[in-house]
Protein backbone atom coordinates (compact mmCIF):
# COMPACT_ATOMS: atom_id res chain seq x y z
CA MET A 1 0.00 0.04 0.02
CA GLU A 2 2.88 2.38 0.91
CA THR A 3 4.50 1.58 -2.53
CA LEU A 4 1.32 2.36 -4.39
CA SER A 5 0.98 5.67 -2.41
CA ARG A 6 4.57 6.60 -3.40
CA THR A 7 3.92 5.75 -7.02
CA THR A 8 0.72 7.89 -6.95
CA ASP A 9 2.59 10.69 -5.49
CA TYR A 10 5.36 10.54 -8.05
CA PHE A 11 2.82 10.57 -10.98
CA ASP A 12 0.97 13.43 -9.44
CA LEU A 13 4.25 15.25 -9.20
CA VAL A 14 5.14 14.72 -12.84
CA LYS A 15 1.60 15.76 -13.88
CA SER A 16 1.85 19.14 -11.93
CA ARG A 17 5.29 19.83 -13.35
CA ARG A 18 4.07 19.22 -16.91
CA LEU A 19 0.90 21.33 -16.38
CA ALA A 20 3.14 24.12 -15.14
CA LEU A 21 5.34 23.83 -18.13
CA ALA A 22 2.44 23.72 -20.55
CA GLU A 23 1.09 26.88 -18.90
CA TRP A 24 4.46 28.76 -19.34
CA ILE A 25 4.72 27.55 -22.88
CA SER A 26 1.17 28.82 -23.76
CA LYS A 27 2.18 32.26 -22.53
CA GLU A 28 5.88 32.59 -23.58
CA LEU A 29 5.93 30.62 -26.92
CA ILE A 30 2.91 32.00 -28.70
CA ASP A 31 3.02 31.44 -32.37
CA THR A 32 6.42 29.63 -31.99
CA LYS A 33 7.05 26.93 -34.59
CA GLU A 34 10.61 25.88 -33.91
CA ILE A 35 13.23 26.29 -31.17
CA VAL A 36 16.83 25.64 -30.53
CA TRP A 37 17.03 23.43 -27.49
CA GLU A 38 20.01 22.67 -25.08
CA VAL A 39 19.58 19.80 -22.63
CA GLY A 40 21.64 20.40 -19.60
CA CYS A 41 22.59 24.03 -20.25
CA GLY A 42 24.87 24.39 -17.22
CA HIS A 43 25.70 27.90 -16.53
CA GLY A 44 24.39 29.05 -20.01
CA HIS A 45 27.71 29.84 -21.70
CA PHE A 46 26.88 28.19 -24.98
CA LEU A 47 23.29 29.01 -25.50
CA THR A 48 23.85 32.68 -24.41
CA ALA A 49 26.56 32.95 -27.17
CA TYR A 50 24.43 31.13 -29.62
CA ALA A 51 21.35 33.29 -28.96
CA ALA A 52 23.42 36.38 -29.42
CA ALA A 53 24.80 35.21 -32.64
CA HIS A 54 21.37 34.04 -33.89
CA PRO A 55 18.85 36.79 -32.96
CA ASN A 56 16.12 35.31 -35.15
CA ALA A 57 16.36 31.91 -33.37
CA LEU A 58 14.25 31.22 -30.25
CA CYS A 59 16.56 29.30 -27.74
CA ILE A 60 15.48 27.36 -24.68
CA GLY A 61 18.07 25.87 -22.25
CA LEU A 62 17.02 23.43 -19.57
CA ASP A 63 18.83 22.18 -16.51
CA ILE A 64 17.50 20.47 -13.31
CA GLU A 65 19.90 22.41 -11.03
CA LYS A 66 18.50 25.54 -9.61
CA ASP A 67 21.85 27.28 -9.24
CA ARG A 68 22.81 26.63 -12.79
CA ILE A 69 19.70 28.26 -14.06
CA THR A 70 20.10 31.11 -11.87
CA ARG A 71 23.64 31.80 -13.29
CA ALA A 72 22.48 31.25 -16.83
CA ASP A 73 19.66 33.81 -16.30
CA LYS A 74 22.19 36.36 -15.14
CA LYS A 75 24.17 35.84 -18.40
CA LYS A 76 20.93 36.24 -20.34
CA LYS A 77 20.02 39.53 -18.69
CA ARG A 78 23.46 40.95 -18.97
CA ALA A 79 23.31 40.19 -22.67
CA LYS A 80 19.84 41.65 -22.93
CA LEU A 81 18.55 38.77 -25.05
CA THR A 82 14.80 38.47 -25.70
CA ASN A 83 15.23 35.29 -27.86
CA LEU A 84 16.60 33.08 -24.98
CA HIS A 85 15.00 31.40 -22.02
CA PHE A 86 16.44 29.22 -19.33
CA LEU A 87 14.19 26.83 -17.49
CA ARG A 88 14.58 24.43 -14.49
CA ALA A 89 12.95 21.28 -15.83
CA ASP A 90 13.23 17.73 -16.77
CA ALA A 91 13.82 17.12 -20.39
CA LEU A 92 11.11 14.58 -20.83
CA ASP A 93 8.60 16.77 -18.97
CA PHE A 94 9.40 19.57 -21.31
CA ILE A 95 8.93 17.49 -24.41
CA ALA A 96 5.58 16.10 -22.97
CA ALA A 97 4.30 19.72 -22.45
CA LEU A 98 5.25 21.03 -25.88
CA PRO A 99 2.37 21.24 -28.32
CA GLU A 100 2.53 19.33 -31.57
CA GLN A 101 3.31 22.31 -33.81
CA ILE A 102 6.53 23.34 -31.97
CA LYS A 103 9.57 21.43 -33.34
CA PHE A 104 13.30 21.58 -32.53
CA SER A 105 15.36 22.96 -35.28
CA SER A 106 18.56 21.86 -33.36
CA VAL A 107 19.12 20.00 -30.23
CA TYR A 108 22.37 20.28 -28.26
CA VAL A 109 23.57 17.87 -25.57
CA LEU A 110 26.94 19.06 -24.46
CA PHE A 111 29.07 17.22 -21.91
CA PRO A 112 26.29 15.42 -19.96
CA ASP A 113 27.38 13.40 -16.92
CA PRO A 114 28.85 10.19 -18.39
CA TRP A 115 28.10 8.07 -15.31
CA PRO A 116 31.18 6.09 -16.02
CA LYS A 117 30.46 3.09 -13.74
CA ARG A 118 28.61 0.39 -15.49
CA ARG A 119 25.99 0.11 -12.77
CA HIS A 120 25.28 3.86 -13.24
CA HIS A 121 24.79 3.68 -17.15
CA LYS A 122 21.04 3.60 -16.66
CA ASN A 123 21.33 7.18 -15.54
CA ARG A 124 22.76 8.53 -18.70
CA ILE A 125 20.49 10.79 -20.55
CA MET A 126 21.34 9.64 -24.10
CA GLN A 127 19.62 6.32 -23.90
CA PRO A 128 17.74 4.94 -26.98
CA GLU A 129 14.35 5.72 -25.66
CA PHE A 130 15.36 9.37 -25.04
CA ILE A 131 17.00 9.70 -28.44
CA GLU A 132 13.79 8.30 -30.00
CA VAL A 133 11.45 10.71 -28.18
CA VAL A 134 13.62 13.67 -28.94
CA SER A 135 14.03 12.75 -32.71
CA LYS A 136 10.29 12.74 -33.03
CA LYS A 137 10.22 16.38 -32.14
CA VAL A 138 13.14 17.40 -34.36
CA MET A 139 11.88 19.01 -37.56
CA LEU A 140 12.76 17.48 -40.89
CA SER A 141 16.43 18.23 -41.73
CA GLY A 142 16.89 19.58 -38.14
CA ARG A 143 19.92 18.38 -36.11
CA MET A 144 20.92 16.71 -33.07
CA TYR A 145 24.39 17.52 -31.65
CA PHE A 146 26.15 15.61 -28.85
CA ARG A 147 29.61 16.15 -27.43
CA THR A 148 31.47 14.43 -24.59
CA ASP A 149 35.00 14.02 -23.22
CA HIS A 150 34.16 10.42 -22.25
CA LYS A 151 35.09 8.08 -25.12
CA PRO A 152 33.08 5.06 -23.88
CA TYR A 153 29.97 7.22 -23.54
CA PHE A 154 30.55 8.73 -27.07
CA ASP A 155 30.84 5.15 -28.51
CA SER A 156 27.57 4.20 -26.80
CA VAL A 157 25.68 7.20 -28.01
CA TYR A 158 27.18 6.88 -31.50
CA LYS A 159 25.78 3.24 -31.62
CA ASN A 160 22.38 4.36 -30.19
CA VAL A 161 21.98 7.17 -32.76
CA THR A 162 23.03 4.86 -35.66
CA MET A 163 20.21 2.52 -34.60
CA GLU A 164 17.64 5.43 -34.60
CA LYS A 165 15.87 5.23 -38.03
CA GLN A 166 14.89 9.03 -37.95
CA LEU A 167 18.51 10.16 -37.74
CA ASN A 168 21.59 9.91 -39.94
CA ILE A 169 25.00 10.76 -38.58
CA THR A 170 26.99 13.15 -40.84
CA ASN A 171 30.46 14.51 -41.06
CA ASP A 172 29.20 18.10 -41.42
CA PRO A 173 30.97 20.48 -39.18
CA TRP A 174 29.13 22.21 -36.35
CA PRO A 175 27.52 25.39 -37.49
CA PHE A 176 28.31 27.12 -34.18
CA ASP A 177 30.79 26.40 -31.45
CA LYS A 178 31.41 28.03 -28.06
CA GLU A 179 33.64 26.53 -25.39
CA THR A 180 31.74 25.51 -22.37
CA VAL A 181 33.11 25.23 -18.84
CA PHE A 182 33.39 21.39 -19.25
CA GLN A 183 34.97 21.74 -22.52
CA ALA A 184 37.66 23.97 -21.16
CA ARG A 185 38.34 21.49 -18.46
CA SER A 186 38.48 18.47 -20.83
CA LYS A 187 41.79 17.19 -22.54
CA GLY A 188 39.96 16.41 -25.66
CA HIS A 189 36.34 15.60 -26.72
CA ASN A 190 34.31 13.75 -29.40
CA SER A 191 31.39 15.39 -31.24
CA LEU A 192 28.45 13.83 -33.08
CA ASN A 193 26.25 15.65 -35.68
CA ALA A 194 22.98 13.96 -36.84
CA ILE A 195 20.32 15.06 -39.31
CA LYS A 196 16.60 14.25 -39.03
CA VAL A 197 15.73 12.24 -42.26
CA LYS A 198 12.22 11.10 -41.62
């Protein structure tokens, strides 16, 4: 009975989070058709630079850490960017709250936690299920970008993206690059660029 109660509480929490996101989206993303999305935006270095360089693109960065979103918001305000939003939210909650007509033109996942120990691999965000759900929301010819300094994680994601029928991995260069905090700390990294084909 206690387990059932906990499960009910969890689903109620997820439902309330998604309703709150849907309300925010209905107010802030009126008439929006496409967005540039960064999953795990950290302190906002990359997306703030991206939004400044692409004033006609609507950019949204998500992170689950409150302090990171606070820091990212400060960067946004200093740069006086009106085409950029940072939200403290779960990625799957955000996708579930998005209306059908809003698609991702680009999705960036930069240096997510690699959870290097095998028993923790289930915590990695770039799982086949997540890649599939995100790919459905990417517009045709849109892109998914992934970067990590953990080679085993990169190999795993490369394999998972290869298996996703909606995406094709390309050798195209990244259209925009900005060094993040994690990239600056790394001794090297691997990057993946995939295009939505169907």
